[in-house]
């Protein structure tokens, strides 16, 4: 759907939140250099299935940057894991 992938919302969210993963803090530009600078996925904190065409997305509250790994894990359950839950998963895995 057009409203869920509006480039203006993505750009606004990244201007607010930056290009590092909100869960693991990975930054593609830092890791791979200029070739990957600016690469990050943007995750809807409210599932797209729950918002309608008339919903006005707030880039600060509704969109967050996640690396592809964290984004995939976020969607391993319904409703998706929150950023705090992803951080907790990472913290526990680091203890092993």
PDB file of N, CA and C in Angstrom:
ATOM      1  N   UNK A   1       0.837  -1.190   0.000  1.00  0.00           N
ATOM      2  CA  UNK A   1       0.000   0.000   0.000  1.00  0.00           C
ATOM      3  C   UNK A   1       0.876   1.246   0.000  1.00  0.00           C
ATOM      4  N   UNK A   2       0.414   2.241  -0.732  1.00  0.00           N
ATOM      5  CA  UNK A   2       1.173   3.485  -0.847  1.00  0.00           C
ATOM      6  C   UNK A   2       1.428   4.135   0.500  1.00  0.00           C
ATOM      7  N   UNK A   3       0.400   4.203   1.341  1.00  0.00           N
ATOM      8  CA  UNK A   3       0.543   4.930   2.596  1.00  0.00           C
ATOM      9  C   UNK A   3       1.523   4.263   3.548  1.00  0.00           C
ATOM     10  N   UNK A   4       1.730   2.949   3.411  1.00  0.00           N
ATOM     11  CA  UNK A   4       2.632   2.283   4.338  1.00  0.00           C
ATOM     12  C   UNK A   4       4.089   2.405   3.918  1.00  0.00           C
ATOM     13  N   UNK A   5       4.351   2.758   2.671  1.00  0.00           N
ATOM     14  CA  UNK A   5       5.726   2.854   2.177  1.00  0.00           C
ATOM     15  C   UNK A   5       6.038   4.245   1.641  1.00  0.00           C
ATOM     16  N   UNK A   6       5.466   5.257   2.204  1.00  0.00           N
ATOM     17  CA  UNK A   6       5.682   6.632   1.750  1.00  0.00           C
ATOM     18  C   UNK A   6       7.123   7.043   2.061  1.00  0.00           C
ATOM     19  N   UNK A   7       7.871   7.368   1.033  1.00  0.00           N
ATOM     20  CA  UNK A   7       9.283   7.739   1.187  1.00  0.00           C
ATOM     21  C   UNK A   7       9.465   8.963   2.084  1.00  0.00           C
ATOM     22  N   UNK A   8       8.477   9.846   2.091  1.00  0.00           N
ATOM     23  CA  UNK A   8       8.577  11.036   2.950  1.00  0.00           C
ATOM     24  C   UNK A   8       8.546  10.645   4.419  1.00  0.00           C
ATOM     25  N   UNK A   9       7.706   9.673   4.770  1.00  0.00           N
ATOM     26  CA  UNK A   9       7.652   9.201   6.157  1.00  0.00           C
ATOM     27  C   UNK A   9       8.971   8.524   6.546  1.00  0.00           C
ATOM     28  N   UNK A  10       9.500   7.728   5.634  1.00  0.00           N
ATOM     29  CA  UNK A  10      10.783   7.062   5.875  1.00  0.00           C
ATOM     30  C   UNK A  10      11.878   8.103   6.102  1.00  0.00           C
ATOM     31  N   UNK A  11      11.956   9.080   5.219  1.00  0.00           N
ATOM     32  CA  UNK A  11      12.982  10.124   5.327  1.00  0.00           C
ATOM     33  C   UNK A  11      12.838  10.898   6.636  1.00  0.00           C
ATOM     34  N   UNK A  12      11.612  11.215   7.012  1.00  0.00           N
ATOM     35  CA  UNK A  12      11.378  11.945   8.262  1.00  0.00           C
ATOM     36  C   UNK A  12      11.799  11.101   9.464  1.00  0.00           C
ATOM     37  N   UNK A  13      11.453   9.819   9.452  1.00  0.00           N
ATOM     38  CA  UNK A  13      11.815   8.933  10.560  1.00  0.00           C
ATOM     39  C   UNK A  13      13.332   8.831  10.699  1.00  0.00           C
ATOM     40  N   UNK A  14      14.032   8.707   9.583  1.00  0.00           N
ATOM     41  CA  UNK A  14      15.489   8.591   9.634  1.00  0.00           C
ATOM     42  C   UNK A  14      16.144   9.900  10.043  1.00  0.00           C
ATOM     43  N   UNK A  15      15.539  11.014   9.664  1.00  0.00           N
ATOM     44  CA  UNK A  15      16.059  12.320  10.098  1.00  0.00           C
ATOM     45  C   UNK A  15      15.926  12.456  11.620  1.00  0.00           C
ATOM     46  N   UNK A  16      14.881  11.888  12.170  1.00  0.00           N
ATOM     47  CA  UNK A  16      14.625  11.943  13.615  1.00  0.00           C
ATOM     48  C   UNK A  16      15.487  10.930  14.368  1.00  0.00           C
ATOM     49  N   UNK A  17      15.465   9.670  13.906  1.00  0.00           N
ATOM     50  CA  UNK A  17      16.063   8.568  14.654  1.00  0.00           C
ATOM     51  C   UNK A  17      17.491   8.216  14.233  1.00  0.00           C
ATOM     52  N   UNK A  18      17.898   8.609  13.052  1.00  0.00           N
ATOM     53  CA  UNK A  18      19.225   8.253  12.555  1.00  0.00           C
ATOM     54  C   UNK A  18      19.219   6.908  11.848  1.00  0.00           C
ATOM     55  N   UNK A  19      20.404   6.442  11.495  1.00  0.00           N
ATOM     56  CA  UNK A  19      20.560   5.259  10.659  1.00  0.00           C
ATOM     57  C   UNK A  19      21.092   4.036  11.397  1.00  0.00           C
ATOM     58  N   UNK A  20      21.131   4.084  12.707  1.00  0.00           N
ATOM     59  CA  UNK A  20      21.546   2.927  13.499  1.00  0.00           C
ATOM     60  C   UNK A  20      20.319   2.158  13.954  1.00  0.00           C
ATOM     61  N   UNK A  21      20.456   0.859  14.045  1.00  0.00           N
ATOM     62  CA  UNK A  21      19.352   0.004  14.494  1.00  0.00           C
ATOM     63  C   UNK A  21      18.946   0.392  15.916  1.00  0.00           C
ATOM     64  N   UNK A  22      17.663   0.611  16.116  1.00  0.00           N
ATOM     65  CA  UNK A  22      17.142   1.013  17.427  1.00  0.00           C
ATOM     66  C   UNK A  22      17.268  -0.109  18.457  1.00  0.00           C
ATOM     67  N   UNK A  23      17.427  -1.348  18.000  1.00  0.00           N
ATOM     68  CA  UNK A  23      17.523  -2.472  18.929  1.00  0.00           C
ATOM     69  C   UNK A  23      18.964  -2.855  19.248  1.00  0.00           C
ATOM     70  N   UNK A  24      19.796  -3.011  18.213  1.00  0.00           N
ATOM     71  CA  UNK A  24      21.163  -3.494  18.437  1.00  0.00           C
ATOM     72  C   UNK A  24      22.232  -2.439  18.179  1.00  0.00           C
ATOM     73  N   UNK A  25      21.831  -1.290  17.681  1.00  0.00           N
ATOM     74  CA  UNK A  25      22.720  -0.160  17.425  1.00  0.00           C
ATOM     75  C   UNK A  25      23.665  -0.374  16.245  1.00  0.00           C
ATOM     76  N   UNK A  26      23.437  -1.409  15.436  1.00  0.00           N
ATOM     77  CA  UNK A  26      24.286  -1.646  14.271  1.00  0.00           C
ATOM     78  C   UNK A  26      24.074  -0.538  13.245  1.00  0.00           C
ATOM     79  N   UNK A  27      25.164  -0.067  12.667  1.00  0.00           N
ATOM     80  CA  UNK A  27      25.109   0.972  11.639  1.00  0.00           C
ATOM     81  C   UNK A  27      25.896   0.470  10.438  1.00  0.00           C
ATOM     82  N   UNK A  28      25.221   0.305   9.318  1.00  0.00           N
ATOM     83  CA  UNK A  28      25.852  -0.238   8.118  1.00  0.00           C
ATOM     84  C   UNK A  28      26.988   0.639   7.611  1.00  0.00           C
ATOM     85  N   UNK A  29      26.827   1.949   7.670  1.00  0.00           N
ATOM     86  CA  UNK A  29      27.879   2.851   7.227  1.00  0.00           C
ATOM     87  C   UNK A  29      29.135   2.709   8.065  1.00  0.00           C
ATOM     88  N   UNK A  30      28.979   2.568   9.375  1.00  0.00           N
ATOM     89  CA  UNK A  30      30.129   2.389  10.261  1.00  0.00           C
ATOM     90  C   UNK A  30      30.831   1.060   9.989  1.00  0.00           C
ATOM     91  N   UNK A  31      30.050   0.022   9.713  1.00  0.00           N
ATOM     92  CA  UNK A  31      30.620  -1.309   9.529  1.00  0.00           C
ATOM     93  C   UNK A  31      31.211  -1.520   8.134  1.00  0.00           C
ATOM     94  N   UNK A  32      30.538  -1.026   7.092  1.00  0.00           N
ATOM     95  CA  UNK A  32      30.932  -1.313   5.716  1.00  0.00           C
ATOM     96  C   UNK A  32      31.482  -0.105   4.965  1.00  0.00           C
ATOM     97  N   UNK A  33      31.375   1.044   5.562  1.00  0.00           N
ATOM     98  CA  UNK A  33      31.867   2.248   4.898  1.00  0.00           C
ATOM     99  C   UNK A  33      30.807   2.909   4.035  1.00  0.00           C
ATOM    100  N   UNK A  34      31.271   3.807   3.201  1.00  0.00           N
ATOM    101  CA  UNK A  34      30.400   4.653   2.384  1.00  0.00           C
ATOM    102  C   UNK A  34      29.434   3.851   1.502  1.00  0.00           C
ATOM    103  N   UNK A  35      29.860   2.697   1.032  1.00  0.00           N
ATOM    104  CA  UNK A  35      29.008   1.902   0.134  1.00  0.00           C
ATOM    105  C   UNK A  35      27.685   1.518   0.796  1.00  0.00           C
ATOM    106  N   UNK A  36      27.661   1.403   2.118  1.00  0.00           N
ATOM    107  CA  UNK A  36      26.444   0.992   2.829  1.00  0.00           C
ATOM    108  C   UNK A  36      25.860   2.095   3.703  1.00  0.00           C
ATOM    109  N   UNK A  37      26.441   3.272   3.648  1.00  0.00           N
ATOM    110  CA  UNK A  37      25.939   4.379   4.470  1.00  0.00           C
ATOM    111  C   UNK A  37      24.480   4.663   4.125  1.00  0.00           C
ATOM    112  N   UNK A  38      23.654   4.786   5.140  1.00  0.00           N
ATOM    113  CA  UNK A  38      22.242   5.083   4.932  1.00  0.00           C
ATOM    114  C   UNK A  38      21.353   3.864   4.739  1.00  0.00           C
ATOM    115  N   UNK A  39      21.962   2.673   4.715  1.00  0.00           N
ATOM    116  CA  UNK A  39      21.155   1.462   4.553  1.00  0.00           C
ATOM    117  C   UNK A  39      20.591   1.054   5.903  1.00  0.00           C
ATOM    118  N   UNK A  40      19.286   0.944   5.989  1.00  0.00           N
ATOM    119  CA  UNK A  40      18.595   0.488   7.203  1.00  0.00           C
ATOM    120  C   UNK A  40      17.141   0.263   6.823  1.00  0.00           C
ATOM    121  N   UNK A  41      16.465  -0.624   7.499  1.00  0.00           N
ATOM    122  CA  UNK A  41      15.040  -0.822   7.277  1.00  0.00           C
ATOM    123  C   UNK A  41      14.265   0.035   8.268  1.00  0.00           C
ATOM    124  N   UNK A  42      13.035   0.369   7.919  1.00  0.00           N
ATOM    125  CA  UNK A  42      12.187   1.155   8.807  1.00  0.00           C
ATOM    126  C   UNK A  42      10.983   0.299   9.188  1.00  0.00           C
ATOM    127  N   UNK A  43      10.784   0.166  10.480  1.00  0.00           N
ATOM    128  CA  UNK A  43       9.747  -0.709  11.044  1.00  0.00           C
ATOM    129  C   UNK A  43       8.584   0.117  11.575  1.00  0.00           C
ATOM    130  N   UNK A  44       7.369  -0.326  11.286  1.00  0.00           N
ATOM    131  CA  UNK A  44       6.157   0.295  11.826  1.00  0.00           C
ATOM    132  C   UNK A  44       5.932  -0.248  13.233  1.00  0.00           C
ATOM    133  N   UNK A  45       5.919   0.624  14.231  1.00  0.00           N
ATOM    134  CA  UNK A  45       5.691   0.166  15.599  1.00  0.00           C
ATOM    135  C   UNK A  45       4.257  -0.310  15.803  1.00  0.00           C
ATOM    136  N   UNK A  46       3.334   0.227  15.042  1.00  0.00           N
ATOM    137  CA  UNK A  46       1.960  -0.277  14.997  1.00  0.00           C
ATOM    138  C   UNK A  46       1.836  -1.064  13.703  1.00  0.00           C
ATOM    139  N   UNK A  47       1.486  -2.341  13.772  1.00  0.00           N
ATOM    140  CA  UNK A  47       1.411  -3.143  12.553  1.00  0.00           C
ATOM    141  C   UNK A  47       0.539  -2.482  11.479  1.00  0.00           C
ATOM    142  N   UNK A  48       1.021  -2.550  10.255  1.00  0.00           N
ATOM    143  CA  UNK A  48       0.318  -1.945   9.124  1.00  0.00           C
ATOM    144  C   UNK A  48      -1.098  -2.495   9.012  1.00  0.00           C
ATOM    145  N   UNK A  49      -1.285  -3.746   9.403  1.00  0.00           N
ATOM    146  CA  UNK A  49      -2.618  -4.344   9.329  1.00  0.00           C
ATOM    147  C   UNK A  49      -3.605  -3.670  10.271  1.00  0.00           C
ATOM    148  N   UNK A  50      -3.091  -2.926  11.253  1.00  0.00           N
ATOM    149  CA  UNK A  50      -3.956  -2.254  12.218  1.00  0.00           C
ATOM    150  C   UNK A  50      -4.221  -0.788  11.887  1.00  0.00           C
ATOM    151  N   UNK A  51      -3.563  -0.280  10.868  1.00  0.00           N
ATOM    152  CA  UNK A  51      -3.791   1.114  10.497  1.00  0.00           C
ATOM    153  C   UNK A  51      -4.503   1.162   9.152  1.00  0.00           C
ATOM    154  N   UNK A  52      -5.283   2.174   8.950  1.00  0.00           N
ATOM    155  CA  UNK A  52      -6.022   2.316   7.706  1.00  0.00           C
ATOM    156  C   UNK A  52      -5.441   3.410   6.835  1.00  0.00           C
ATOM    157  N   UNK A  53      -6.001   3.549   5.688  1.00  0.00           N
ATOM    158  CA  UNK A  53      -5.525   4.513   4.712  1.00  0.00           C
ATOM    159  C   UNK A  53      -5.603   5.941   5.223  1.00  0.00           C
ATOM    160  N   UNK A  54      -6.539   6.223   6.119  1.00  0.00           N
ATOM    161  CA  UNK A  54      -6.707   7.587   6.635  1.00  0.00           C
ATOM    162  C   UNK A  54      -5.837   7.891   7.851  1.00  0.00           C
ATOM    163  N   UNK A  55      -5.123   6.890   8.349  1.00  0.00           N
ATOM    164  CA  UNK A  55      -4.263   7.089   9.510  1.00  0.00           C
ATOM    165  C   UNK A  55      -3.075   7.969   9.120  1.00  0.00           C
ATOM    166  N   UNK A  56      -2.779   8.959   9.936  1.00  0.00           N
ATOM    167  CA  UNK A  56      -1.639   9.846   9.698  1.00  0.00           C
ATOM    168  C   UNK A  56      -0.445   9.300  10.472  1.00  0.00           C
ATOM    169  N   UNK A  57       0.553   8.820   9.775  1.00  0.00           N
ATOM    170  CA  UNK A  57       1.731   8.258  10.416  1.00  0.00           C
ATOM    171  C   UNK A  57       2.562   9.373  11.043  1.00  0.00           C
ATOM    172  N   UNK A  58       2.953   9.152  12.293  1.00  0.00           N
ATOM    173  CA  UNK A  58       3.837  10.052  13.004  1.00  0.00           C
ATOM    174  C   UNK A  58       5.226   9.422  12.951  1.00  0.00           C
ATOM    175  N   UNK A  59       6.141   9.965  12.133  1.00  0.00           N
ATOM    176  CA  UNK A  59       7.460   9.338  11.974  1.00  0.00           C
ATOM    177  C   UNK A  59       8.233   9.181  13.281  1.00  0.00           C
ATOM    178  N   UNK A  60       8.006  10.056  14.253  1.00  0.00           N
ATOM    179  CA  UNK A  60       8.713   9.961  15.532  1.00  0.00           C
ATOM    180  C   UNK A  60       8.216   8.763  16.348  1.00  0.00           C
ATOM    181  N   UNK A  61       6.918   8.553  16.384  1.00  0.00           N
ATOM    182  CA  UNK A  61       6.334   7.518  17.236  1.00  0.00           C
ATOM    183  C   UNK A  61       6.038   6.212  16.505  1.00  0.00           C
ATOM    184  N   UNK A  62       5.743   6.289  15.216  1.00  0.00           N
ATOM    185  CA  UNK A  62       5.257   5.117  14.486  1.00  0.00           C
ATOM    186  C   UNK A  62       6.313   4.373  13.683  1.00  0.00           C
ATOM    187  N   UNK A  63       7.465   4.972  13.459  1.00  0.00           N
ATOM    188  CA  UNK A  63       8.490   4.361  12.615  1.00  0.00           C
ATOM    189  C   UNK A  63       9.837   4.369  13.325  1.00  0.00           C
ATOM    190  N   UNK A  64      10.543   3.239  13.268  1.00  0.00           N
ATOM    191  CA  UNK A  64      11.870   3.161  13.872  1.00  0.00           C
ATOM    192  C   UNK A  64      12.812   2.410  12.926  1.00  0.00           C
ATOM    193  N   UNK A  65      14.091   2.776  12.946  1.00  0.00           N
ATOM    194  CA  UNK A  65      15.057   2.048  12.121  1.00  0.00           C
ATOM    195  C   UNK A  65      15.455   0.735  12.791  1.00  0.00           C
ATOM    196  N   UNK A  66      15.436  -0.337  12.018  1.00  0.00           N
ATOM    197  CA  UNK A  66      15.907  -1.640  12.486  1.00  0.00           C
ATOM    198  C   UNK A  66      16.771  -2.260  11.399  1.00  0.00           C
ATOM    199  N   UNK A  67      17.859  -2.916  11.805  1.00  0.00           N
ATOM    200  CA  UNK A  67      18.664  -3.650  10.836  1.00  0.00           C
ATOM    201  C   UNK A  67      17.817  -4.829  10.340  1.00  0.00           C
ATOM    202  N   UNK A  68      18.155  -5.406   9.200  1.00  0.00           N
ATOM    203  CA  UNK A  68      17.353  -6.528   8.688  1.00  0.00           C
ATOM    204  C   UNK A  68      17.224  -7.697   9.664  1.00  0.00           C
ATOM    205  N   UNK A  69      18.273  -7.992  10.431  1.00  0.00           N
ATOM    206  CA  UNK A  69      18.171  -9.093  11.397  1.00  0.00           C
ATOM    207  C   UNK A  69      17.149  -8.792  12.478  1.00  0.00           C
ATOM    208  N   UNK A  70      17.265  -7.632  13.100  1.00  0.00           N
ATOM    209  CA  UNK A  70      16.319  -7.271  14.161  1.00  0.00           C
ATOM    210  C   UNK A  70      14.907  -7.124  13.616  1.00  0.00           C
ATOM    211  N   UNK A  71      14.787  -6.603  12.399  1.00  0.00           N
ATOM    212  CA  UNK A  71      13.465  -6.444  11.790  1.00  0.00           C
ATOM    213  C   UNK A  71      12.815  -7.814  11.583  1.00  0.00           C
ATOM    214  N   UNK A  72      13.595  -8.779  11.116  1.00  0.00           N
ATOM    215  CA  UNK A  72      13.058 -10.132  10.923  1.00  0.00           C
ATOM    216  C   UNK A  72      12.635 -10.757  12.244  1.00  0.00           C
ATOM    217  N   UNK A  73      13.465 -10.605  13.264  1.00  0.00           N
ATOM    218  CA  UNK A  73      13.131 -11.169  14.576  1.00  0.00           C
ATOM    219  C   UNK A  73      11.898 -10.472  15.149  1.00  0.00           C
ATOM    220  N   UNK A  74      11.786  -9.165  14.959  1.00  0.00           N
ATOM    221  CA  UNK A  74      10.615  -8.435  15.464  1.00  0.00           C
ATOM    222  C   UNK A  74       9.325  -9.064  14.974  1.00  0.00           C
ATOM    223  N   UNK A  75       9.351  -9.576  13.742  1.00  0.00           N
ATOM    224  CA  UNK A  75       8.144 -10.140  13.144  1.00  0.00           C
ATOM    225  C   UNK A  75       8.008 -11.649  13.368  1.00  0.00           C
ATOM    226  N   UNK A  76       8.780 -12.197  14.307  1.00  0.00           N
ATOM    227  CA  UNK A  76       8.664 -13.626  14.619  1.00  0.00           C
ATOM    228  C   UNK A  76       7.443 -13.938  15.473  1.00  0.00           C
ATOM    229  N   UNK A  77       6.748 -12.916  15.951  1.00  0.00           N
ATOM    230  CA  UNK A  77       5.517 -13.144  16.710  1.00  0.00           C
ATOM    231  C   UNK A  77       4.508 -12.059  16.359  1.00  0.00           C
ATOM    232  N   UNK A  78       3.265 -12.326  16.706  1.00  0.00           N
ATOM    233  CA  UNK A  78       2.177 -11.367  16.484  1.00  0.00           C
ATOM    234  C   UNK A  78       1.557 -11.073  17.840  1.00  0.00           C
ATOM    235  N   UNK A  79       1.503  -9.819  18.256  1.00  0.00           N
ATOM    236  CA  UNK A  79       2.063  -8.650  17.587  1.00  0.00           C
ATOM    237  C   UNK A  79       3.585  -8.703  17.628  1.00  0.00           C
ATOM    238  N   UNK A  80       4.249  -7.916  16.784  1.00  0.00           N
ATOM    239  CA  UNK A  80       5.712  -7.952  16.736  1.00  0.00           C
ATOM    240  C   UNK A  80       6.352  -7.608  18.078  1.00  0.00           C
ATOM    241  N   UNK A  81       7.582  -8.115  18.259  1.00  0.00           N
ATOM    242  CA  UNK A  81       8.366  -7.736  19.425  1.00  0.00           C
ATOM    243  C   UNK A  81       8.576  -6.221  19.398  1.00  0.00           C
ATOM    244  N   UNK A  82       8.581  -5.601  20.559  1.00  0.00           N
ATOM    245  CA  UNK A  82       8.906  -4.181  20.674  1.00  0.00           C
ATOM    246  C   UNK A  82      10.427  -4.034  20.674  1.00  0.00           C
ATOM    247  N   UNK A  83      10.894  -2.820  20.526  1.00  0.00           N
ATOM    248  CA  UNK A  83      12.338  -2.570  20.579  1.00  0.00           C
ATOM    249  C   UNK A  83      12.890  -2.998  21.941  1.00  0.00           C
ATOM    250  N   UNK A  84      12.186  -2.687  23.002  1.00  0.00           N
ATOM    251  CA  UNK A  84      12.640  -3.097  24.333  1.00  0.00           C
ATOM    252  C   UNK A  84      12.733  -4.618  24.451  1.00  0.00           C
ATOM    253  N   UNK A  85      11.768  -5.323  23.886  1.00  0.00           N
ATOM    254  CA  UNK A  85      11.812  -6.786  23.916  1.00  0.00           C
ATOM    255  C   UNK A  85      12.984  -7.320  23.093  1.00  0.00           C
ATOM    256  N   UNK A  86      13.246  -6.703  21.947  1.00  0.00           N
ATOM    257  CA  UNK A  86      14.398  -7.115  21.138  1.00  0.00           C
ATOM    258  C   UNK A  86      15.698  -6.894  21.906  1.00  0.00           C
ATOM    259  N   UNK A  87      15.815  -5.762  22.569  1.00  0.00           N
ATOM    260  CA  UNK A  87      17.016  -5.480  23.366  1.00  0.00           C
ATOM    261  C   UNK A  87      17.184  -6.514  24.479  1.00  0.00           C
ATOM    262  N   UNK A  88      16.077  -6.879  25.094  1.00  0.00           N
ATOM    263  CA  UNK A  88      16.120  -7.884  26.160  1.00  0.00           C
ATOM    264  C   UNK A  88      16.571  -9.242  25.607  1.00  0.00           C
ATOM    265  N   UNK A  89      16.060  -9.612  24.445  1.00  0.00           N
ATOM    266  CA  UNK A  89      16.502 -10.858  23.801  1.00  0.00           C
ATOM    267  C   UNK A  89      18.000 -10.816  23.533  1.00  0.00           C
ATOM    268  N   UNK A  90      18.483  -9.713  23.013  1.00  0.00           N
ATOM    269  CA  UNK A  90      19.909  -9.570  22.734  1.00  0.00           C
ATOM    270  C   UNK A  90      20.730  -9.627  24.016  1.00  0.00           C
ATOM    271  N   UNK A  91      20.242  -9.007  25.058  1.00  0.00           N
ATOM    272  CA  UNK A  91      20.945  -8.990  26.343  1.00  0.00           C
ATOM    273  C   UNK A  91      21.067 -10.402  26.908  1.00  0.00           C
ATOM    274  N   UNK A  92      19.999 -11.181  26.815  1.00  0.00           N
ATOM    275  CA  UNK A  92      20.031 -12.555  27.335  1.00  0.00           C
ATOM    276  C   UNK A  92      20.917 -13.435  26.499  1.00  0.00           C
ATOM    277  N   UNK A  93      20.922 -13.249  25.185  1.00  0.00           N
ATOM    278  CA  UNK A  93      21.781 -14.056  24.317  1.00  0.00           C
ATOM    279  C   UNK A  93      23.248 -13.752  24.582  1.00  0.00           C
ATOM    280  N   UNK A  94      23.547 -12.488  24.932  1.00  0.00           N
ATOM    281  CA  UNK A  94      24.915 -12.107  25.237  1.00  0.00           C
ATOM    282  C   UNK A  94      25.441 -12.725  26.505  1.00  0.00           C
ATOM    283  N   UNK A  95      24.530 -13.191  27.382  1.00  0.00           N
ATOM    284  CA  UNK A  95      24.922 -13.814  28.640  1.00  0.00           C
ATOM    285  C   UNK A  95      25.367 -15.264  28.456  1.00  0.00           C
ATOM    286  N   UNK A  96      25.058 -15.838  27.311  1.00  0.00           N
ATOM    287  CA  UNK A  96      25.369 -17.262  27.071  1.00  0.00           C
ATOM    288  C   UNK A  96      26.801 -17.468  26.680  1.00  0.00           C
TER     289      UNK A  96
END
